[in-house]
Every structure is written in C-alpha cells, then in structure tokens.
Amino acid sequence: MSQPSQSFDEMVRYIRVRSEPDARFVEFDFAIGHPDLFVELALPPGAFEQFCKHNHVVHMDEEMCRLVDADMVKWRFGEKGRR
C-alpha cells in the first residue's frame, strides 16, 4: 500500500458559498483534499470569516464548481451529465 503524498494537515481546504451575500448565515460547502467530497455547513458571518482564516481555505472557481455539479448529477441519476 502506498503512502499518501500529503499529510491531512497539508491537504487543501475548499469552500463554495451557497448563500446570498446579505443572508443572516453563510451557507457553504466545505471539502478537504477533494472538492467533490464535501459537507454542507452554515455559520454566522463573523464565525465564517474566522473559519476560513483558520483553515486557509481556497474558494472554488467556476470550473471546479461545474465539475463538482456534473459529478453530483452522475451519482444522482446514473449517467455523467444526464438527468
């Protein structure tokens, strides 16, 4: 069995904000190492900012979001990119 090239602490942390900018809570997806394996979280804005600083997060770009969405469709409906 091969050893991972990165330790858990070295893995990139990704976020994707889902809520509107003026929402009471920031709703977002959070992933470690693999942007397509995430948890959905919600925090007040101040706590969200602290969370992002503590985890040194990377905001997912449009292409990464598109790929994650396409993968979700594949797992939900059984075919890549088809509903």
PDB file of N, CA and C in Angstrom:
ATOM      1  N   MET A   1       0.845  -1.177   0.000  1.00  0.00           N
ATOM      2  CA  MET A   1       0.000   0.000   0.000  1.00  0.00           C
ATOM      3  C   MET A   1       0.893   1.243   0.000  1.00  0.00           C
ATOM      4  N   SER A   2       0.597   2.190  -0.878  1.00  0.00           N
ATOM      5  CA  SER A   2       1.427   3.387  -0.973  1.00  0.00           C
ATOM      6  C   SER A   2       1.029   4.407   0.090  1.00  0.00           C
ATOM      7  N   GLN A   3       1.984   5.190   0.493  1.00  0.00           N
ATOM      8  CA  GLN A   3       1.755   6.235   1.485  1.00  0.00           C
ATOM      9  C   GLN A   3       1.231   7.488   0.790  1.00  0.00           C
ATOM     10  N   PRO A   4       0.311   8.242   1.441  1.00  0.00           N
ATOM     11  CA  PRO A   4      -0.180   9.473   0.830  1.00  0.00           C
ATOM     12  C   PRO A   4       0.949  10.494   0.695  1.00  0.00           C
ATOM     13  N   SER A   5       0.895  11.286  -0.366  1.00  0.00           N
ATOM     14  CA  SER A   5       1.944  12.273  -0.602  1.00  0.00           C
ATOM     15  C   SER A   5       1.803  13.484   0.319  1.00  0.00           C
ATOM     16  N   GLN A   6       0.631  13.679   0.899  1.00  0.00           N
ATOM     17  CA  GLN A   6       0.395  14.799   1.808  1.00  0.00           C
ATOM     18  C   GLN A   6      -0.177  14.283   3.117  1.00  0.00           C
ATOM     19  N   SER A   7       0.176  14.972   4.190  1.00  0.00           N
ATOM     20  CA  SER A   7      -0.484  14.645   5.451  1.00  0.00           C
ATOM     21  C   SER A   7      -1.843  15.329   5.450  1.00  0.00           C
ATOM     22  N   PHE A   8      -2.695  14.922   6.372  1.00  0.00           N
ATOM     23  CA  PHE A   8      -4.033  15.516   6.462  1.00  0.00           C
ATOM     24  C   PHE A   8      -3.946  17.031   6.631  1.00  0.00           C
ATOM     25  N   ASP A   9      -3.028  17.487   7.464  1.00  0.00           N
ATOM     26  CA  ASP A   9      -2.888  18.932   7.709  1.00  0.00           C
ATOM     27  C   ASP A   9      -2.418  19.696   6.476  1.00  0.00           C
ATOM     28  N   GLU A  10      -1.779  19.022   5.538  1.00  0.00           N
ATOM     29  CA  GLU A  10      -1.285  19.670   4.323  1.00  0.00           C
ATOM     30  C   GLU A  10      -2.314  19.730   3.209  1.00  0.00           C
ATOM     31  N   MET A  11      -3.408  18.986   3.340  1.00  0.00           N
ATOM     32  CA  MET A  11      -4.413  18.944   2.277  1.00  0.00           C
ATOM     33  C   MET A  11      -5.127  20.290   2.140  1.00  0.00           C
ATOM     34  N   VAL A  12      -5.456  20.634   0.908  1.00  0.00           N
ATOM     35  CA  VAL A  12      -6.153  21.882   0.607  1.00  0.00           C
ATOM     36  C   VAL A  12      -7.577  21.817   1.137  1.00  0.00           C
ATOM     37  N   ARG A  13      -8.034  22.912   1.720  1.00  0.00           N
ATOM     38  CA  ARG A  13      -9.417  23.036   2.184  1.00  0.00           C
ATOM     39  C   ARG A  13     -10.165  23.931   1.202  1.00  0.00           C
ATOM     40  N   TYR A  14     -11.264  23.427   0.670  1.00  0.00           N
ATOM     41  CA  TYR A  14     -12.052  24.157  -0.321  1.00  0.00           C
ATOM     42  C   TYR A  14     -13.378  24.601   0.276  1.00  0.00           C
ATOM     43  N   ILE A  15     -13.849  25.773  -0.149  1.00  0.00           N
ATOM     44  CA  ILE A  15     -15.207  26.190   0.196  1.00  0.00           C
ATOM     45  C   ILE A  15     -15.915  26.675  -1.053  1.00  0.00           C
ATOM     46  N   ARG A  16     -17.241  26.544  -0.985  1.00  0.00           N
ATOM     47  CA  ARG A  16     -18.122  27.066  -2.026  1.00  0.00           C
ATOM     48  C   ARG A  16     -19.318  27.675  -1.316  1.00  0.00           C
ATOM     49  N   VAL A  17     -19.428  28.995  -1.363  1.00  0.00           N
ATOM     50  CA  VAL A  17     -20.520  29.694  -0.683  1.00  0.00           C
ATOM     51  C   VAL A  17     -21.790  29.512  -1.490  1.00  0.00           C
ATOM     52  N   ARG A  18     -22.866  29.126  -0.809  1.00  0.00           N
ATOM     53  CA  ARG A  18     -24.162  28.874  -1.451  1.00  0.00           C
ATOM     54  C   ARG A  18     -25.191  29.962  -1.131  1.00  0.00           C
ATOM     55  N   SER A  19     -24.998  30.701  -0.058  1.00  0.00           N
ATOM     56  CA  SER A  19     -25.991  31.685   0.378  1.00  0.00           C
ATOM     57  C   SER A  19     -25.790  33.034  -0.314  1.00  0.00           C
ATOM     58  N   GLU A  20     -26.806  33.874  -0.186  1.00  0.00           N
ATOM     59  CA  GLU A  20     -26.744  35.237  -0.729  1.00  0.00           C
ATOM     60  C   GLU A  20     -25.817  36.083   0.145  1.00  0.00           C
ATOM     61  N   PRO A  21     -25.199  37.130  -0.421  1.00  0.00           N
ATOM     62  CA  PRO A  21     -24.255  37.947   0.353  1.00  0.00           C
ATOM     63  C   PRO A  21     -24.844  38.579   1.620  1.00  0.00           C
ATOM     64  N   ASP A  22     -26.116  38.919   1.621  1.00  0.00           N
ATOM     65  CA  ASP A  22     -26.708  39.597   2.782  1.00  0.00           C
ATOM     66  C   ASP A  22     -27.481  38.649   3.707  1.00  0.00           C
ATOM     67  N   ALA A  23     -27.284  37.353   3.553  1.00  0.00           N
ATOM     68  CA  ALA A  23     -28.002  36.371   4.370  1.00  0.00           C
ATOM     69  C   ALA A  23     -27.539  36.439   5.827  1.00  0.00           C
ATOM     70  N   ARG A  24     -28.423  36.035   6.724  1.00  0.00           N
ATOM     71  CA  ARG A  24     -28.104  36.036   8.151  1.00  0.00           C
ATOM     72  C   ARG A  24     -26.999  35.028   8.483  1.00  0.00           C
ATOM     73  N   PHE A  25     -27.007  33.896   7.784  1.00  0.00           N
ATOM     74  CA  PHE A  25     -25.978  32.878   7.941  1.00  0.00           C
ATOM     75  C   PHE A  25     -25.314  32.623   6.596  1.00  0.00           C
ATOM     76  N   VAL A  26     -24.030  32.304   6.626  1.00  0.00           N
ATOM     77  CA  VAL A  26     -23.304  31.926   5.415  1.00  0.00           C
ATOM     78  C   VAL A  26     -23.443  30.412   5.273  1.00  0.00           C
ATOM     79  N   GLU A  27     -24.114  29.989   4.218  1.00  0.00           N
ATOM     80  CA  GLU A  27     -24.253  28.563   3.919  1.00  0.00           C
ATOM     81  C   GLU A  27     -23.188  28.216   2.887  1.00  0.00           C
ATOM     82  N   PHE A  28     -22.426  27.152   3.172  1.00  0.00           N
ATOM     83  CA  PHE A  28     -21.318  26.828   2.281  1.00  0.00           C
ATOM     84  C   PHE A  28     -20.993  25.341   2.321  1.00  0.00           C
ATOM     85  N   ASP A  29     -20.315  24.904   1.257  1.00  0.00           N
ATOM     86  CA  ASP A  29     -19.788  23.547   1.177  1.00  0.00           C
ATOM     87  C   ASP A  29     -18.330  23.620   1.607  1.00  0.00           C
ATOM     88  N   PHE A  30     -17.888  22.620   2.370  1.00  0.00           N
ATOM     89  CA  PHE A  30     -16.508  22.568   2.844  1.00  0.00           C
ATOM     90  C   PHE A  30     -15.930  21.201   2.522  1.00  0.00           C
ATOM     91  N   ALA A  31     -14.781  21.198   1.856  1.00  0.00           N
ATOM     92  CA  ALA A  31     -14.128  19.949   1.462  1.00  0.00           C
ATOM     93  C   ALA A  31     -12.658  19.995   1.830  1.00  0.00           C
ATOM     94  N   ILE A  32     -12.114  18.834   2.161  1.00  0.00           N
ATOM     95  CA  ILE A  32     -10.691  18.715   2.459  1.00  0.00           C
ATOM     96  C   ILE A  32     -10.078  17.729   1.464  1.00  0.00           C
ATOM     97  N   GLY A  33      -9.161  18.244   0.659  1.00  0.00           N
ATOM     98  CA  GLY A  33      -8.426  17.391  -0.267  1.00  0.00           C
ATOM     99  C   GLY A  33      -9.121  17.119  -1.588  1.00  0.00           C
ATOM    100  N   HIS A  34     -10.410  16.880  -1.562  1.00  0.00           N
ATOM    101  CA  HIS A  34     -11.172  16.555  -2.774  1.00  0.00           C
ATOM    102  C   HIS A  34     -12.432  17.418  -2.811  1.00  0.00           C
ATOM    103  N   PRO A  35     -12.519  18.370  -3.726  1.00  0.00           N
ATOM    104  CA  PRO A  35     -13.658  19.295  -3.726  1.00  0.00           C
ATOM    105  C   PRO A  35     -15.007  18.635  -3.963  1.00  0.00           C
ATOM    106  N   ASP A  36     -15.024  17.412  -4.503  1.00  0.00           N
ATOM    107  CA  ASP A  36     -16.302  16.747  -4.771  1.00  0.00           C
ATOM    108  C   ASP A  36     -16.811  15.923  -3.585  1.00  0.00           C
ATOM    109  N   LEU A  37     -16.076  15.905  -2.484  1.00  0.00           N
ATOM    110  CA  LEU A  37     -16.495  15.211  -1.266  1.00  0.00           C
ATOM    111  C   LEU A  37     -16.569  16.257  -0.161  1.00  0.00           C
ATOM    112  N   PHE A  38     -17.773  16.777   0.066  1.00  0.00           N
ATOM    113  CA  PHE A  38     -17.916  17.935   0.945  1.00  0.00           C
ATOM    114  C   PHE A  38     -19.052  17.759   1.934  1.00  0.00           C
ATOM    115  N   VAL A  39     -19.039  18.633   2.950  1.00  0.00           N
ATOM    116  CA  VAL A  39     -20.145  18.723   3.900  1.00  0.00           C
ATOM    117  C   VAL A  39     -20.759  20.106   3.738  1.00  0.00           C
ATOM    118  N   GLU A  40     -22.040  20.199   4.017  1.00  0.00           N
ATOM    119  CA  GLU A  40     -22.737  21.483   3.965  1.00  0.00           C
ATOM    120  C   GLU A  40     -22.763  22.063   5.369  1.00  0.00           C
ATOM    121  N   LEU A  41     -22.328  23.311   5.491  1.00  0.00           N
ATOM    122  CA  LEU A  41     -22.259  23.975   6.787  1.00  0.00           C
ATOM    123  C   LEU A  41     -22.930  25.338   6.715  1.00  0.00           C
ATOM    124  N   ALA A  42     -23.272  25.885   7.885  1.00  0.00           N
ATOM    125  CA  ALA A  42     -23.823  27.236   7.984  1.00  0.00           C
ATOM    126  C   ALA A  42     -23.258  27.879   9.239  1.00  0.00           C
ATOM    127  N   LEU A  43     -22.762  29.109   9.095  1.00  0.00           N
ATOM    128  CA  LEU A  43     -22.188  29.844  10.212  1.00  0.00           C
ATOM    129  C   LEU A  43     -22.587  31.315  10.119  1.00  0.00           C
ATOM    130  N   PRO A  44     -22.636  32.020  11.253  1.00  0.00           N
ATOM    131  CA  PRO A  44     -22.805  33.478  11.187  1.00  0.00           C
ATOM    132  C   PRO A  44     -21.590  34.079  10.461  1.00  0.00           C
ATOM    133  N   PRO A  45     -21.750  35.227   9.819  1.00  0.00           N
ATOM    134  CA  PRO A  45     -20.653  35.798   9.020  1.00  0.00           C
ATOM    135  C   PRO A  45     -19.310  35.915   9.748  1.00  0.00           C
ATOM    136  N   GLY A  46     -19.320  36.370  10.988  1.00  0.00           N
ATOM    137  CA  GLY A  46     -18.058  36.508  11.724  1.00  0.00           C
ATOM    138  C   GLY A  46     -17.376  35.173  11.958  1.00  0.00           C
ATOM    139  N   ALA A  47     -18.150  34.177  12.326  1.00  0.00           N
ATOM    140  CA  ALA A  47     -17.603  32.836  12.543  1.00  0.00           C
ATOM    141  C   ALA A  47     -17.107  32.238  11.225  1.00  0.00           C
ATOM    142  N   PHE A  48     -17.812  32.533  10.131  1.00  0.00           N
ATOM    143  CA  PHE A  48     -17.393  32.051   8.811  1.00  0.00           C
ATOM    144  C   PHE A  48     -16.023  32.624   8.448  1.00  0.00           C
ATOM    145  N   GLU A  49     -15.832  33.921   8.670  1.00  0.00           N
ATOM    146  CA  GLU A  49     -14.537  34.544   8.370  1.00  0.00           C
ATOM    147  C   GLU A  49     -13.421  33.906   9.187  1.00  0.00           C
ATOM    148  N   GLN A  50     -13.692  33.661  10.462  1.00  0.00           N
ATOM    149  CA  GLN A  50     -12.704  33.026  11.334  1.00  0.00           C
ATOM    150  C   GLN A  50     -12.417  31.592  10.870  1.00  0.00           C
ATOM    151  N   PHE A  51     -13.452  30.873  10.496  1.00  0.00           N
ATOM    152  CA  PHE A  51     -13.323  29.501   9.983  1.00  0.00           C
ATOM    153  C   PHE A  51     -12.416  29.490   8.750  1.00  0.00           C
ATOM    154  N   CYS A  52     -12.648  30.422   7.830  1.00  0.00           N
ATOM    155  CA  CYS A  52     -11.859  30.488   6.596  1.00  0.00           C
ATOM    156  C   CYS A  52     -10.390  30.794   6.892  1.00  0.00           C
ATOM    157  N   LYS A  53     -10.137  31.731   7.800  1.00  0.00           N
ATOM    158  CA  LYS A  53      -8.751  32.063   8.157  1.00  0.00           C
ATOM    159  C   LYS A  53      -8.060  30.880   8.827  1.00  0.00           C
ATOM    160  N   HIS A  54      -8.757  30.246   9.747  1.00  0.00           N
ATOM    161  CA  HIS A  54      -8.170  29.119  10.481  1.00  0.00           C
ATOM    162  C   HIS A  54      -7.819  27.957   9.551  1.00  0.00           C
ATOM    163  N   ASN A  55      -8.657  27.709   8.550  1.00  0.00           N
ATOM    164  CA  ASN A  55      -8.457  26.585   7.632  1.00  0.00           C
ATOM    165  C   ASN A  55      -7.697  26.945   6.360  1.00  0.00           C
ATOM    166  N   HIS A  56      -7.332  28.223   6.190  1.00  0.00           N
ATOM    167  CA  HIS A  56      -6.612  28.670   4.989  1.00  0.00           C
ATOM    168  C   HIS A  56      -7.320  28.164   3.734  1.00  0.00           C
ATOM    169  N   VAL A  57      -8.609  28.460   3.633  1.00  0.00           N
ATOM    170  CA  VAL A  57      -9.440  27.895   2.575  1.00  0.00           C
ATOM    171  C   VAL A  57      -9.126  28.463   1.193  1.00  0.00           C
ATOM    172  N   VAL A  58      -9.471  27.685   0.197  1.00  0.00           N
ATOM    173  CA  VAL A  58      -9.404  28.091  -1.201  1.00  0.00           C
ATOM    174  C   VAL A  58     -10.841  28.128  -1.700  1.00  0.00           C
ATOM    175  N   HIS A  59     -11.249  29.258  -2.266  1.00  0.00           N
ATOM    176  CA  HIS A  59     -12.592  29.363  -2.834  1.00  0.00           C
ATOM    177  C   HIS A  59     -12.602  28.624  -4.170  1.00  0.00           C
ATOM    178  N   MET A  60     -13.599  27.768  -4.344  1.00  0.00           N
ATOM    179  CA  MET A  60     -13.711  27.028  -5.597  1.00  0.00           C
ATOM    180  C   MET A  60     -14.017  27.988  -6.746  1.00  0.00           C
ATOM    181  N   ASP A  61     -13.330  27.801  -7.864  1.00  0.00           N
ATOM    182  CA  ASP A  61     -13.598  28.645  -9.024  1.00  0.00           C
ATOM    183  C   ASP A  61     -14.762  28.059  -9.830  1.00  0.00           C
ATOM    184  N   GLU A  62     -15.175  28.762 -10.876  1.00  0.00           N
ATOM    185  CA  GLU A  62     -16.335  28.343 -11.669  1.00  0.00           C
ATOM    186  C   GLU A  62     -16.150  26.965 -12.305  1.00  0.00           C
ATOM    187  N   GLU A  63     -14.954  26.697 -12.809  1.00  0.00           N
ATOM    188  CA  GLU A  63     -14.694  25.406 -13.447  1.00  0.00           C
ATOM    189  C   GLU A  63     -14.782  24.270 -12.427  1.00  0.00           C
ATOM    190  N   MET A  64     -14.222  24.482 -11.271  1.00  0.00           N
ATOM    191  CA  MET A  64     -14.267  23.455 -10.227  1.00  0.00           C
ATOM    192  C   MET A  64     -15.716  23.206  -9.800  1.00  0.00           C
ATOM    193  N   CYS A  65     -16.506  24.278  -9.655  1.00  0.00           N
ATOM    194  CA  CYS A  65     -17.923  24.139  -9.303  1.00  0.00           C
ATOM    195  C   CYS A  65     -18.681  23.364 -10.378  1.00  0.00           C
ATOM    196  N   ARG A  66     -18.383  23.654 -11.637  1.00  0.00           N
ATOM    197  CA  ARG A  66     -19.046  22.962 -12.744  1.00  0.00           C
ATOM    198  C   ARG A  66     -18.738  21.468 -12.705  1.00  0.00           C
ATOM    199  N   LEU A  67     -17.485  21.113 -12.452  1.00  0.00           N
ATOM    200  CA  LEU A  67     -17.098  19.704 -12.394  1.00  0.00           C
ATOM    201  C   LEU A  67     -17.750  18.984 -11.213  1.00  0.00           C
ATOM    202  N   VAL A  68     -17.823  19.647 -10.076  1.00  0.00           N
ATOM    203  CA  VAL A  68     -18.477  19.055  -8.895  1.00  0.00           C
ATOM    204  C   VAL A  68     -19.962  18.846  -9.182  1.00  0.00           C
ATOM    205  N   ASP A  69     -20.605  19.848  -9.784  1.00  0.00           N
ATOM    206  CA  ASP A  69     -22.034  19.724 -10.112  1.00  0.00           C
ATOM    207  C   ASP A  69     -22.283  18.583 -11.094  1.00  0.00           C
ATOM    208  N   ALA A  70     -21.413  18.455 -12.095  1.00  0.00           N
ATOM    209  CA  ALA A  70     -21.563  17.372 -13.075  1.00  0.00           C
ATOM    210  C   ALA A  70     -21.404  16.018 -12.398  1.00  0.00           C
ATOM    211  N   ASP A  71     -20.478  15.913 -11.464  1.00  0.00           N
ATOM    212  CA  ASP A  71     -20.281  14.656 -10.746  1.00  0.00           C
ATOM    213  C   ASP A  71     -21.491  14.333  -9.876  1.00  0.00           C
ATOM    214  N   MET A  72     -22.103  15.355  -9.273  1.00  0.00           N
ATOM    215  CA  MET A  72     -23.303  15.137  -8.458  1.00  0.00           C
ATOM    216  C   MET A  72     -24.448  14.605  -9.307  1.00  0.00           C
ATOM    217  N   VAL A  73     -24.595  15.130 -10.527  1.00  0.00           N
ATOM    218  CA  VAL A  73     -25.644  14.653 -11.437  1.00  0.00           C
ATOM    219  C   VAL A  73     -25.395  13.191 -11.784  1.00  0.00           C
ATOM    220  N   LYS A  74     -24.138  12.855 -12.036  1.00  0.00           N
ATOM    221  CA  LYS A  74     -23.794  11.471 -12.382  1.00  0.00           C
ATOM    222  C   LYS A  74     -24.195  10.524 -11.253  1.00  0.00           C
ATOM    223  N   TRP A  75     -23.883  10.868 -10.024  1.00  0.00           N
ATOM    224  CA  TRP A  75     -24.193   9.991  -8.904  1.00  0.00           C
ATOM    225  C   TRP A  75     -25.684   9.953  -8.596  1.00  0.00           C
ATOM    226  N   ARG A  76     -26.379  11.047  -8.845  1.00  0.00           N
ATOM    227  CA  ARG A  76     -27.812  11.085  -8.559  1.00  0.00           C
ATOM    228  C   ARG A  76     -28.623  10.361  -9.617  1.00  0.00           C
ATOM    229  N   PHE A  77     -28.248  10.506 -10.888  1.00  0.00           N
ATOM    230  CA  PHE A  77     -29.057   9.970 -11.978  1.00  0.00           C
ATOM    231  C   PHE A  77     -28.410   8.820 -12.737  1.00  0.00           C
ATOM    232  N   GLY A  78     -27.163   8.484 -12.432  1.00  0.00           N
ATOM    233  CA  GLY A  78     -26.537   7.298 -13.005  1.00  0.00           C
ATOM    234  C   GLY A  78     -25.768   7.491 -14.280  1.00  0.00           C
ATOM    235  N   GLU A  79     -25.868   8.664 -14.911  1.00  0.00           N
ATOM    236  CA  GLU A  79     -25.104   8.894 -16.144  1.00  0.00           C
ATOM    237  C   GLU A  79     -24.446  10.254 -16.052  1.00  0.00           C
ATOM    238  N   LYS A  80     -23.228  10.333 -16.526  1.00  0.00           N
ATOM    239  CA  LYS A  80     -22.479  11.566 -16.468  1.00  0.00           C
ATOM    240  C   LYS A  80     -23.184  12.682 -17.229  1.00  0.00           C
ATOM    241  N   GLY A  81     -23.506  13.750 -16.505  1.00  0.00           N
ATOM    242  CA  GLY A  81     -24.087  14.926 -17.131  1.00  0.00           C
ATOM    243  C   GLY A  81     -25.497  14.783 -17.647  1.00  0.00           C
ATOM    244  N   ARG A  82     -26.210  13.700 -17.296  1.00  0.00           N
ATOM    245  CA  ARG A  82     -27.572  13.495 -17.802  1.00  0.00           C
ATOM    246  C   ARG A  82     -28.524  13.300 -16.650  1.00  0.00           C
ATOM    247  N   ARG A  83     -29.668  13.916 -16.763  1.00  0.00           N
ATOM    248  CA  ARG A  83     -30.711  13.777 -15.738  1.00  0.00           C
ATOM    249  C   ARG A  83     -31.733  12.761 -16.159  1.00  0.00           C
TER     250      ARG A  83
END
